[in-house]
Amino acid sequence: MLYHCHVQTAQHFMMGLSGLFIVEENQPDNWVQTFNIGAGQVRHPSVAVKKSYSQEYDLHYQSVDKNLAQIIQNANDPRLIAQRMARDYNMNESFENYFMLNGRSFPYTLRDGMIIAEENENIKLHIANLQRSSIALHLHGHKATVTALDGVDQPAGLQVTRDVFDIAPAQRTDVLLQTKNNGLNSYGPGLWMFHDHVPTGTTTDGMEPGGNIAILAYKSYLDEQGMPKMHDELFDQVFSKDYYAKKVAVWGFGDFAPLLGDAGLIAPNYLQIIIFGLVAGLIIGLLVFSVLVYKRKQQQ
């Protein structure tokens, strides 16, 4: 089930006052996790879930309009905040600048938003779209099966297996993710992205990669700190504030930097300039000397 604020719903919904209620079947010794904070992994699944699944994750998608979010940062008088939020701010002119999974945008989803798997697992995903726009959730390297919509189990004949899931605002979808390497459910172990395939969903205030990009990581592809074994250059780039402040060229790293970095003046090679000047001066001097010698010979 979905919950959200019903006071100034449009504004408060977009500012994050929303979430999920997960109702589990009542069974003996059913010590369920009552509150799921960060990362999405349900660390203590219910008895019923354990019978069919090896793991369970909550995936909570949200978006933020930075103009709306900045209202409460730019004033400390509640009267001014109320005026700017309720009367000055126009929801019909709102725009989504930030896209998050479980409260984080990439690259911090690598820390708090990964699905960590091993081969031959059945993983239950609770997916909720609590952003203003629809999402097209795409799983790389896997095809998962929709088992429930809006809290209602789907009959076997209506369970669809696919790798892109259209989820409308406020819609909830339960998905069975199988990691059996059979060419259908999974294409094998690795680091597989999953993200919104609406182009804006993978951006952070217009910069990419960002947004709700996350990783389905097999344990053998994680390092000792639990981080995915990826290109170190990418980490250096995306964990930089300057990159998302648009102060750094997208391809301004490594071998591509001379060709695709920021345009600008090339730093002069002073040694070459000095040598060129000396050689050019010597040649010109020899030419002038030769001309003078020739003229003197003509006069004689």
C-alpha atoms as a PDB file:
ATOM      1  CA  MET A   1       0.000   0.000   0.000  1.00  0.00           C
ATOM      2  CA  LEU A   2       1.014   3.593  -0.606  1.00  0.00           C
ATOM      3  CA  TYR A   3       0.838   6.424   1.897  1.00  0.00           C
ATOM      4  CA  HIS A   4       1.408  10.137   1.444  1.00  0.00           C
ATOM      5  CA  CYS A   5       0.618  13.482   3.035  1.00  0.00           C
ATOM      6  CA  HIS A   6      -2.920  14.850   2.476  1.00  0.00           C
ATOM      7  CA  VAL A   7      -2.120  18.448   3.438  1.00  0.00           C
ATOM      8  CA  GLN A   8      -1.041  20.443   0.382  1.00  0.00           C
ATOM      9  CA  THR A   9      -0.730  17.055  -1.259  1.00  0.00           C
ATOM     10  CA  ALA A  10       0.847  18.188  -4.518  1.00  0.00           C
ATOM     11  CA  GLN A  11       3.682  20.048  -2.815  1.00  0.00           C
ATOM     12  CA  HIS A  12       4.301  17.654   0.059  1.00  0.00           C
ATOM     13  CA  PHE A  13       4.138  14.585  -2.175  1.00  0.00           C
ATOM     14  CA  MET A  14       6.860  16.100  -4.362  1.00  0.00           C
ATOM     15  CA  MET A  15       8.924  16.920  -1.271  1.00  0.00           C
ATOM     16  CA  GLY A  16       9.116  13.296  -0.150  1.00  0.00           C
ATOM     17  CA  LEU A  17       6.255  12.834   2.328  1.00  0.00           C
ATOM     18  CA  SER A  18       5.307   9.422   0.960  1.00  0.00           C
ATOM     19  CA  GLY A  19       6.188   5.781   1.357  1.00  0.00           C
ATOM     20  CA  LEU A  20       5.066   2.152   1.438  1.00  0.00           C
ATOM     21  CA  PHE A  21       3.056  -0.020   3.803  1.00  0.00           C
ATOM     22  CA  ILE A  22       3.867  -3.702   3.277  1.00  0.00           C
ATOM     23  CA  VAL A  23       1.206  -5.979   4.786  1.00  0.00           C
ATOM     24  CA  GLU A  24       2.478  -9.516   5.389  1.00  0.00           C
ATOM     25  CA  GLU A  25       0.500 -12.696   5.941  1.00  0.00           C
ATOM     26  CA  ASN A  26       0.051 -13.491   9.632  1.00  0.00           C
ATOM     27  CA  GLN A  27       1.840 -16.731  10.505  1.00  0.00           C
ATOM     28  CA  PRO A  28       3.380 -18.236  13.669  1.00  0.00           C
ATOM     29  CA  ASP A  29       6.840 -16.930  14.624  1.00  0.00           C
ATOM     30  CA  ASN A  30       6.440 -14.174  12.067  1.00  0.00           C
ATOM     31  CA  TRP A  31       8.999 -11.663  13.356  1.00  0.00           C
ATOM     32  CA  VAL A  32       8.942  -9.264  10.446  1.00  0.00           C
ATOM     33  CA  GLN A  33      11.059  -6.160  10.017  1.00  0.00           C
ATOM     34  CA  THR A  34       8.849  -3.255  11.060  1.00  0.00           C
ATOM     35  CA  PHE A  35      10.819  -0.384   9.516  1.00  0.00           C
ATOM     36  CA  ASN A  36      13.059  -0.443   6.447  1.00  0.00           C
ATOM     37  CA  ILE A  37      15.711   2.276   6.393  1.00  0.00           C
ATOM     38  CA  GLY A  38      17.965   2.898   3.408  1.00  0.00           C
ATOM     39  CA  ALA A  39      19.349   0.517   0.800  1.00  0.00           C
ATOM     40  CA  GLY A  40      15.950  -1.157   0.303  1.00  0.00           C
ATOM     41  CA  GLN A  41      16.921  -4.643   1.428  1.00  0.00           C
ATOM     42  CA  VAL A  42      14.421  -6.225   3.797  1.00  0.00           C
ATOM     43  CA  ARG A  43      16.774  -7.776   6.325  1.00  0.00           C
ATOM     44  CA  HIS A  44      14.102  -9.794   8.143  1.00  0.00           C
ATOM     45  CA  PRO A  45      11.494 -11.062   5.637  1.00  0.00           C
ATOM     46  CA  SER A  46       8.232 -12.609   6.761  1.00  0.00           C
ATOM     47  CA  VAL A  47       7.685 -16.351   7.081  1.00  0.00           C
ATOM     48  CA  ALA A  48       5.545 -16.384   3.930  1.00  0.00           C
ATOM     49  CA  VAL A  49       8.172 -14.544   1.889  1.00  0.00           C
ATOM     50  CA  LYS A  50      10.958 -16.862   3.063  1.00  0.00           C
ATOM     51  CA  LYS A  51       9.037 -19.879   1.737  1.00  0.00           C
ATOM     52  CA  SER A  52       9.221 -18.632  -1.855  1.00  0.00           C
ATOM     53  CA  TYR A  53      12.042 -16.084  -1.972  1.00  0.00           C
ATOM     54  CA  SER A  54      15.666 -15.929  -0.893  1.00  0.00           C
ATOM     55  CA  GLN A  55      15.675 -12.115  -0.635  1.00  0.00           C
ATOM     56  CA  GLU A  56      13.297  -9.141  -0.605  1.00  0.00           C
ATOM     57  CA  TYR A  57      13.877  -5.495  -1.604  1.00  0.00           C
ATOM     58  CA  ASP A  58      11.819  -2.284  -1.510  1.00  0.00           C
ATOM     59  CA  LEU A  59      12.455   0.075  -4.457  1.00  0.00           C
ATOM     60  CA  HIS A  60      11.019   3.526  -3.764  1.00  0.00           C
ATOM     61  CA  TYR A  61      11.287   5.949  -6.722  1.00  0.00           C
ATOM     62  CA  GLN A  62      10.947   9.709  -6.185  1.00  0.00           C
ATOM     63  CA  SER A  63      11.663  12.965  -8.012  1.00  0.00           C
ATOM     64  CA  VAL A  64      12.330  16.507  -6.775  1.00  0.00           C
ATOM     65  CA  ASP A  65      11.660  19.961  -8.210  1.00  0.00           C
ATOM     66  CA  LYS A  66      14.600  22.016  -6.951  1.00  0.00           C
ATOM     67  CA  ASN A  67      12.599  25.263  -7.018  1.00  0.00           C
ATOM     68  CA  LEU A  68      10.035  23.727  -4.675  1.00  0.00           C
ATOM     69  CA  ALA A  69      12.658  22.151  -2.434  1.00  0.00           C
ATOM     70  CA  GLN A  70      14.554  25.425  -2.084  1.00  0.00           C
ATOM     71  CA  ILE A  71      11.531  27.266  -0.675  1.00  0.00           C
ATOM     72  CA  ILE A  72      12.057  25.857   2.806  1.00  0.00           C
ATOM     73  CA  GLN A  73      15.793  26.544   2.563  1.00  0.00           C
ATOM     74  CA  ASN A  74      15.473  30.211   1.659  1.00  0.00           C
ATOM     75  CA  ALA A  75      13.332  31.368   4.591  1.00  0.00           C
ATOM     76  CA  ASN A  76      12.996  30.567   8.283  1.00  0.00           C
ATOM     77  CA  ASP A  77       9.691  32.384   8.832  1.00  0.00           C
ATOM     78  CA  PRO A  78       6.858  29.819   8.489  1.00  0.00           C
ATOM     79  CA  ARG A  79       4.546  32.546   7.149  1.00  0.00           C
ATOM     80  CA  LEU A  80       6.911  33.259   4.273  1.00  0.00           C
ATOM     81  CA  ILE A  81       7.341  29.565   3.591  1.00  0.00           C
ATOM     82  CA  ALA A  82       3.556  29.046   3.535  1.00  0.00           C
ATOM     83  CA  GLN A  83       3.072  31.992   1.189  1.00  0.00           C
ATOM     84  CA  ARG A  84       5.794  30.946  -1.225  1.00  0.00           C
ATOM     85  CA  MET A  85       4.745  27.317  -1.248  1.00  0.00           C
ATOM     86  CA  ALA A  86       0.958  27.688  -1.397  1.00  0.00           C
ATOM     87  CA  ARG A  87       0.497  30.936  -3.356  1.00  0.00           C
ATOM     88  CA  ASP A  88       3.686  31.920  -5.169  1.00  0.00           C
ATOM     89  CA  TYR A  89       4.743  28.460  -6.328  1.00  0.00           C
ATOM     90  CA  ASN A  90       2.773  27.151  -9.325  1.00  0.00           C
ATOM     91  CA  MET A  91       2.583  23.366  -9.374  1.00  0.00           C
ATOM     92  CA  ASN A  92       1.511  23.445 -13.024  1.00  0.00           C
ATOM     93  CA  GLU A  93       4.916  24.918 -13.847  1.00  0.00           C
ATOM     94  CA  SER A  94       6.862  22.414 -11.769  1.00  0.00           C
ATOM     95  CA  PHE A  95       9.798  20.504 -13.203  1.00  0.00           C
ATOM     96  CA  GLU A  96      11.628  17.383 -12.064  1.00  0.00           C
ATOM     97  CA  ASN A  97      15.349  18.044 -11.561  1.00  0.00           C
ATOM     98  CA  TYR A  98      16.392  15.152  -9.353  1.00  0.00           C
ATOM     99  CA  PHE A  99      15.456  11.471  -9.585  1.00  0.00           C
ATOM    100  CA  MET A 100      16.079   9.136  -6.673  1.00  0.00           C
ATOM    101  CA  LEU A 101      15.928   5.503  -5.656  1.00  0.00           C
ATOM    102  CA  ASN A 102      15.349   5.019  -1.923  1.00  0.00           C
ATOM    103  CA  GLY A 103      16.259   8.636  -1.289  1.00  0.00           C
ATOM    104  CA  ARG A 104      19.558   8.579  -3.212  1.00  0.00           C
ATOM    105  CA  SER A 105      20.728   9.543  -6.673  1.00  0.00           C
ATOM    106  CA  PHE A 106      23.606   7.928  -8.553  1.00  0.00           C
ATOM    107  CA  PRO A 107      26.439   7.481  -7.649  1.00  0.00           C
ATOM    108  CA  TYR A 108      25.211   7.117  -4.055  1.00  0.00           C
ATOM    109  CA  THR A 109      22.835   4.368  -5.188  1.00  0.00           C
ATOM    110  CA  LEU A 110      26.021   2.283  -5.443  1.00  0.00           C
ATOM    111  CA  ARG A 111      26.148   2.469  -1.664  1.00  0.00           C
ATOM    112  CA  ASP A 112      22.486   2.520  -0.667  1.00  0.00           C
ATOM    113  CA  GLY A 113      20.543   1.171  -3.636  1.00  0.00           C
ATOM    114  CA  MET A 114      22.137  -2.001  -4.970  1.00  0.00           C
ATOM    115  CA  ILE A 115      20.433  -5.360  -5.339  1.00  0.00           C
ATOM    116  CA  ILE A 116      23.044  -7.943  -4.317  1.00  0.00           C
ATOM    117  CA  ALA A 117      22.470 -11.423  -5.680  1.00  0.00           C
ATOM    118  CA  GLU A 118      23.945 -14.849  -6.261  1.00  0.00           C
ATOM    119  CA  GLU A 119      23.045 -17.347  -8.947  1.00  0.00           C
ATOM    120  CA  ASN A 120      19.804 -19.357  -8.739  1.00  0.00           C
ATOM    121  CA  GLU A 121      17.977 -17.024  -6.381  1.00  0.00           C
ATOM    122  CA  ASN A 122      14.342 -15.922  -6.307  1.00  0.00           C
ATOM    123  CA  ILE A 123      14.255 -12.262  -5.248  1.00  0.00           C
ATOM    124  CA  LYS A 124      11.076 -10.331  -4.474  1.00  0.00           C
ATOM    125  CA  LEU A 125      10.998  -6.663  -5.465  1.00  0.00           C
ATOM    126  CA  HIS A 126       8.380  -4.216  -4.164  1.00  0.00           C
ATOM    127  CA  ILE A 127       8.467  -1.287  -6.614  1.00  0.00           C
ATOM    128  CA  ALA A 128       6.622   1.976  -5.942  1.00  0.00           C
ATOM    129  CA  ASN A 129       6.573   5.025  -8.202  1.00  0.00           C
ATOM    130  CA  LEU A 130       6.221   8.073  -5.964  1.00  0.00           C
ATOM    131  CA  GLN A 131       7.500  10.629  -8.434  1.00  0.00           C
ATOM    132  CA  ARG A 132       5.434  12.995 -10.555  1.00  0.00           C
ATOM    133  CA  SER A 133       6.006  11.215 -13.870  1.00  0.00           C
ATOM    134  CA  SER A 134       5.762   7.612 -15.024  1.00  0.00           C
ATOM    135  CA  ILE A 135       8.834   5.404 -15.037  1.00  0.00           C
ATOM    136  CA  ALA A 136       9.910   2.675 -17.439  1.00  0.00           C
ATOM    137  CA  LEU A 137      12.034   0.500 -15.169  1.00  0.00           C
ATOM    138  CA  HIS A 138      14.562  -1.501 -17.178  1.00  0.00           C
ATOM    139  CA  LEU A 139      16.628  -4.407 -15.849  1.00  0.00           C
ATOM    140  CA  HIS A 140      19.803  -5.141 -17.774  1.00  0.00           C
ATOM    141  CA  GLY A 141      20.670  -8.795 -18.291  1.00  0.00           C
ATOM    142  CA  HIS A 142      17.473 -10.122 -16.710  1.00  0.00           C
ATOM    143  CA  LYS A 143      13.778 -10.568 -17.395  1.00  0.00           C
ATOM    144  CA  ALA A 144      11.559 -10.487 -14.322  1.00  0.00           C
ATOM    145  CA  THR A 145       7.919 -11.446 -13.760  1.00  0.00           C
ATOM    146  CA  VAL A 146       5.120  -9.202 -12.474  1.00  0.00           C
ATOM    147  CA  THR A 147       3.375 -11.083  -9.650  1.00  0.00           C
ATOM    148  CA  ALA A 148       1.150  -8.339  -8.166  1.00  0.00           C
ATOM    149  CA  LEU A 149      -0.201  -4.902  -9.075  1.00  0.00           C
ATOM    150  CA  ASP A 150      -1.248  -2.377  -6.433  1.00  0.00           C
ATOM    151  CA  GLY A 151      -1.237  -5.053  -3.747  1.00  0.00           C
ATOM    152  CA  VAL A 152      -3.386  -7.535  -5.701  1.00  0.00           C
ATOM    153  CA  ASP A 153      -1.801 -10.858  -6.681  1.00  0.00           C
ATOM    154  CA  GLN A 154      -1.928 -11.574 -10.399  1.00  0.00           C
ATOM    155  CA  PRO A 155      -3.259 -14.948 -11.592  1.00  0.00           C
ATOM    156  CA  ALA A 156      -0.624 -17.104 -13.270  1.00  0.00           C
ATOM    157  CA  GLY A 157      -2.133 -16.403 -16.692  1.00  0.00           C
ATOM    158  CA  LEU A 158      -1.693 -12.643 -16.226  1.00  0.00           C
ATOM    159  CA  GLN A 159       1.861 -12.704 -14.910  1.00  0.00           C
ATOM    160  CA  VAL A 160       4.026 -11.064 -17.561  1.00  0.00           C
ATOM    161  CA  THR A 161       7.779 -11.635 -17.892  1.00  0.00           C
ATOM    162  CA  ARG A 162       9.720  -8.724 -19.377  1.00  0.00           C
ATOM    163  CA  ASP A 163      12.693  -6.397 -18.859  1.00  0.00           C
ATOM    164  CA  VAL A 164      10.907  -3.013 -18.984  1.00  0.00           C
ATOM    165  CA  PHE A 165       8.071  -2.222 -16.560  1.00  0.00           C
ATOM    166  CA  ASP A 166       5.797   0.780 -17.082  1.00  0.00           C
ATOM    167  CA  ILE A 167       4.813   2.105 -13.647  1.00  0.00           C
ATOM    168  CA  ALA A 168       2.453   5.079 -13.376  1.00  0.00           C
ATOM    169  CA  PRO A 169       2.642   7.663 -10.567  1.00  0.00           C
ATOM    170  CA  ALA A 170       1.449   6.123  -7.263  1.00  0.00           C
ATOM    171  CA  GLN A 171       1.393   2.621  -8.770  1.00  0.00           C
ATOM    172  CA  ARG A 172       2.912  -0.358  -6.961  1.00  0.00           C
ATOM    173  CA  THR A 173       4.284  -3.430  -8.666  1.00  0.00           C
ATOM    174  CA  ASP A 174       5.636  -6.646  -7.138  1.00  0.00           C
ATOM    175  CA  VAL A 175       8.188  -8.470  -9.262  1.00  0.00           C
ATOM    176  CA  LEU A 176       9.875 -11.874  -9.112  1.00  0.00           C
ATOM    177  CA  LEU A 177      13.527 -11.569 -10.131  1.00  0.00           C
ATOM    178  CA  GLN A 178      15.131 -14.948 -10.849  1.00  0.00           C
ATOM    179  CA  THR A 179      18.902 -15.194 -11.227  1.00  0.00           C
ATOM    180  CA  LYS A 180      18.939 -18.571 -12.948  1.00  0.00           C
ATOM    181  CA  ASN A 181      21.313 -18.335 -15.916  1.00  0.00           C
ATOM    182  CA  ASN A 182      19.046 -19.830 -18.562  1.00  0.00           C
ATOM    183  CA  GLY A 183      19.130 -17.144 -21.269  1.00  0.00           C
ATOM    184  CA  LEU A 184      15.713 -15.845 -20.227  1.00  0.00           C
ATOM    185  CA  ASN A 185      15.535 -14.942 -16.543  1.00  0.00           C
ATOM    186  CA  SER A 186      19.246 -14.129 -16.360  1.00  0.00           C
ATOM    187  CA  TYR A 187      22.165 -13.812 -18.750  1.00  0.00           C
ATOM    188  CA  GLY A 188      24.647 -14.712 -16.038  1.00  0.00           C
ATOM    189  CA  PRO A 189      26.606 -13.100 -13.199  1.00  0.00           C
ATOM    190  CA  GLY A 190      27.972  -9.583 -13.537  1.00  0.00           C
ATOM    191  CA  LEU A 191      27.260  -5.969 -12.739  1.00  0.00           C
ATOM    192  CA  TRP A 192      23.915  -5.178 -14.367  1.00  0.00           C
ATOM    193  CA  MET A 193      22.359  -1.724 -14.368  1.00  0.00           C
ATOM    194  CA  PHE A 194      18.696  -1.135 -13.646  1.00  0.00           C
ATOM    195  CA  HIS A 195      17.178   2.297 -14.184  1.00  0.00           C
ATOM    196  CA  ASP A 196      14.290   4.348 -15.520  1.00  0.00           C
ATOM    197  CA  HIS A 197      14.416   4.278 -19.328  1.00  0.00           C
ATOM    198  CA  VAL A 198      12.752   7.696 -19.561  1.00  0.00           C
ATOM    199  CA  PRO A 199      15.893   9.710 -20.475  1.00  0.00           C
ATOM    200  CA  THR A 200      15.461  12.316 -17.729  1.00  0.00           C
ATOM    201  CA  GLY A 201      15.322   9.607 -15.055  1.00  0.00           C
ATOM    202  CA  THR A 202      19.049   8.908 -15.350  1.00  0.00           C
ATOM    203  CA  THR A 203      20.075  12.549 -14.869  1.00  0.00           C
ATOM    204  CA  THR A 204      20.840  14.760 -11.872  1.00  0.00           C
ATOM    205  CA  ASP A 205      19.851  18.349 -12.619  1.00  0.00           C
ATOM    206  CA  GLY A 206      20.583  17.685 -16.277  1.00  0.00           C
ATOM    207  CA  MET A 207      23.870  15.807 -15.831  1.00  0.00           C
ATOM    208  CA  GLU A 208      24.327  12.153 -16.754  1.00  0.00           C
ATOM    209  CA  PRO A 209      25.074   9.580 -15.397  1.00  0.00           C
ATOM    210  CA  GLY A 210      22.913  10.351 -12.397  1.00  0.00           C
ATOM    211  CA  GLY A 211      19.317   9.994 -11.290  1.00  0.00           C
ATOM    212  CA  ASN A 212      18.016   6.582 -10.296  1.00  0.00           C
ATOM    213  CA  ILE A 213      20.707   4.492 -12.006  1.00  0.00           C
ATOM    214  CA  ALA A 214      21.499   1.521  -9.766  1.00  0.00           C
ATOM    215  CA  ILE A 215      23.285  -1.818  -9.977  1.00  0.00           C
ATOM    216  CA  LEU A 216      22.181  -5.433  -9.687  1.00  0.00           C
ATOM    217  CA  ALA A 217      25.488  -6.851  -8.480  1.00  0.00           C
ATOM    218  CA  TYR A 218      26.467 -10.481  -8.115  1.00  0.00           C
ATOM    219  CA  LYS A 219      28.561 -10.993  -4.987  1.00  0.00           C
ATOM    220  CA  SER A 220      31.617 -12.196  -6.905  1.00  0.00           C
ATOM    221  CA  TYR A 221      31.754  -8.755  -8.564  1.00  0.00           C
ATOM    222  CA  LEU A 222      31.978  -6.813  -5.294  1.00  0.00           C
ATOM    223  CA  ASP A 223      35.208  -5.790  -3.587  1.00  0.00           C
ATOM    224  CA  GLU A 224      36.093  -6.146   0.087  1.00  0.00           C
ATOM    225  CA  GLN A 225      34.170  -2.959   0.917  1.00  0.00           C
ATOM    226  CA  GLY A 226      31.022  -4.142  -0.848  1.00  0.00           C
ATOM    227  CA  MET A 227      31.481  -1.759  -3.784  1.00  0.00           C
ATOM    228  CA  PRO A 228      31.138  -2.960  -7.385  1.00  0.00           C
ATOM    229  CA  LYS A 229      34.388  -3.681  -9.221  1.00  0.00           C
ATOM    230  CA  MET A 230      34.008  -1.011 -11.887  1.00  0.00           C
ATOM    231  CA  HIS A 231      36.244   1.468 -13.677  1.00  0.00           C
ATOM    232  CA  ASP A 232      38.105   3.542 -11.096  1.00  0.00           C
ATOM    233  CA  GLU A 233      38.062   6.475 -13.512  1.00  0.00           C
ATOM    234  CA  LEU A 234      34.254   6.498 -13.401  1.00  0.00           C
ATOM    235  CA  PHE A 235      34.258   6.680  -9.600  1.00  0.00           C
ATOM    236  CA  ASP A 236      36.734   9.557  -9.671  1.00  0.00           C
ATOM    237  CA  GLN A 237      34.465  11.392 -12.082  1.00  0.00           C
ATOM    238  CA  VAL A 238      30.999  10.865 -10.642  1.00  0.00           C
ATOM    239  CA  PHE A 239      31.969  11.277  -6.986  1.00  0.00           C
ATOM    240  CA  SER A 240      33.150  14.805  -7.773  1.00  0.00           C
ATOM    241  CA  LYS A 241      30.980  17.802  -6.863  1.00  0.00           C
ATOM    242  CA  ASP A 242      32.535  19.726  -9.741  1.00  0.00           C
ATOM    243  CA  TYR A 243      31.160  17.197 -12.230  1.00  0.00           C
ATOM    244  CA  TYR A 244      27.547  17.739 -11.178  1.00  0.00           C
ATOM    245  CA  ALA A 245      28.160  21.476 -10.871  1.00  0.00           C
ATOM    246  CA  LYS A 246      28.942  21.279 -14.611  1.00  0.00           C
ATOM    247  CA  LYS A 247      32.493  22.520 -14.132  1.00  0.00           C
ATOM    248  CA  VAL A 248      34.100  19.405 -15.631  1.00  0.00           C
ATOM    249  CA  ALA A 249      33.860  18.089 -19.191  1.00  0.00           C
ATOM    250  CA  VAL A 250      31.954  14.799 -19.458  1.00  0.00           C
ATOM    251  CA  TRP A 251      34.814  13.221 -21.416  1.00  0.00           C
ATOM    252  CA  GLY A 252      37.519  15.283 -19.736  1.00  0.00           C
ATOM    253  CA  PHE A 253      39.304  12.277 -18.219  1.00  0.00           C
ATOM    254  CA  GLY A 254      41.908   9.804 -19.402  1.00  0.00           C
ATOM    255  CA  ASP A 255      42.827   9.297 -23.049  1.00  0.00           C
ATOM    256  CA  PHE A 256      39.852  11.300 -24.327  1.00  0.00           C
ATOM    257  CA  ALA A 257      40.725  14.503 -22.471  1.00  0.00           C
ATOM    258  CA  PRO A 258      42.862  16.122 -25.229  1.00  0.00           C
ATOM    259  CA  LEU A 259      40.152  15.542 -27.841  1.00  0.00           C
ATOM    260  CA  LEU A 260      36.922  15.886 -25.879  1.00  0.00           C
ATOM    261  CA  GLY A 261      37.832  17.993 -22.857  1.00  0.00           C
ATOM    262  CA  ASP A 262      37.088  21.679 -22.486  1.00  0.00           C
ATOM    263  CA  ALA A 263      38.129  23.866 -25.392  1.00  0.00           C
ATOM    264  CA  GLY A 264      40.703  26.524 -24.582  1.00  0.00           C
ATOM    265  CA  LEU A 265      44.153  27.884 -25.280  1.00  0.00           C
ATOM    266  CA  ILE A 266      46.980  25.381 -25.613  1.00  0.00           C
ATOM    267  CA  ALA A 267      49.765  26.101 -23.168  1.00  0.00           C
ATOM    268  CA  PRO A 268      52.808  27.275 -25.167  1.00  0.00           C
ATOM    269  CA  ASN A 269      56.011  25.270 -25.263  1.00  0.00           C
ATOM    270  CA  TYR A 270      58.505  27.987 -24.447  1.00  0.00           C
ATOM    271  CA  LEU A 271      61.559  25.901 -25.321  1.00  0.00           C
ATOM    272  CA  GLN A 272      60.237  25.281 -28.828  1.00  0.00           C
ATOM    273  CA  ILE A 273      59.452  28.989 -29.227  1.00  0.00           C
ATOM    274  CA  ILE A 274      63.003  29.965 -28.202  1.00  0.00           C
ATOM    275  CA  ILE A 275      64.612  27.398 -30.497  1.00  0.00           C
ATOM    276  CA  PHE A 276      62.356  28.448 -33.379  1.00  0.00           C
ATOM    277  CA  GLY A 277      63.249  32.106 -32.795  1.00  0.00           C
ATOM    278  CA  LEU A 278      66.983  31.371 -32.760  1.00  0.00           C
ATOM    279  CA  VAL A 279      66.831  29.237 -35.905  1.00  0.00           C
ATOM    280  CA  ALA A 280      64.618  31.737 -37.745  1.00  0.00           C
ATOM    281  CA  GLY A 281      66.901  34.618 -36.697  1.00  0.00           C
ATOM    282  CA  LEU A 282      69.961  32.718 -37.884  1.00  0.00           C
ATOM    283  CA  ILE A 283      68.383  31.994 -41.264  1.00  0.00           C
ATOM    284  CA  ILE A 284      67.274  35.602 -41.729  1.00  0.00           C
ATOM    285  CA  GLY A 285      70.728  36.832 -40.661  1.00  0.00           C
ATOM    286  CA  LEU A 286      72.420  34.549 -43.173  1.00  0.00           C
ATOM    287  CA  LEU A 287      70.083  35.752 -45.928  1.00  0.00           C
ATOM    288  CA  VAL A 288      70.769  39.420 -45.110  1.00  0.00           C
ATOM    289  CA  PHE A 289      74.511  38.760 -44.944  1.00  0.00           C
ATOM    290  CA  SER A 290      74.407  36.963 -48.289  1.00  0.00           C
ATOM    291  CA  VAL A 291      72.519  39.857 -49.923  1.00  0.00           C
ATOM    292  CA  LEU A 292      75.000  42.426 -48.584  1.00  0.00           C
ATOM    293  CA  VAL A 293      77.983  40.395 -49.783  1.00  0.00           C
ATOM    294  CA  TYR A 294      76.405  40.016 -53.216  1.00  0.00           C
ATOM    295  CA  LYS A 295      75.752  43.782 -53.543  1.00  0.00           C
ATOM    296  CA  ARG A 296      79.346  44.644 -52.587  1.00  0.00           C
ATOM    297  CA  LYS A 297      80.652  42.292 -55.217  1.00  0.00           C
ATOM    298  CA  GLN A 298      78.395  43.945 -57.799  1.00  0.00           C
ATOM    299  CA  GLN A 299      79.677  47.411 -56.852  1.00  0.00           C
ATOM    300  CA  GLN A 300      83.276  46.324 -57.273  1.00  0.00           C
END
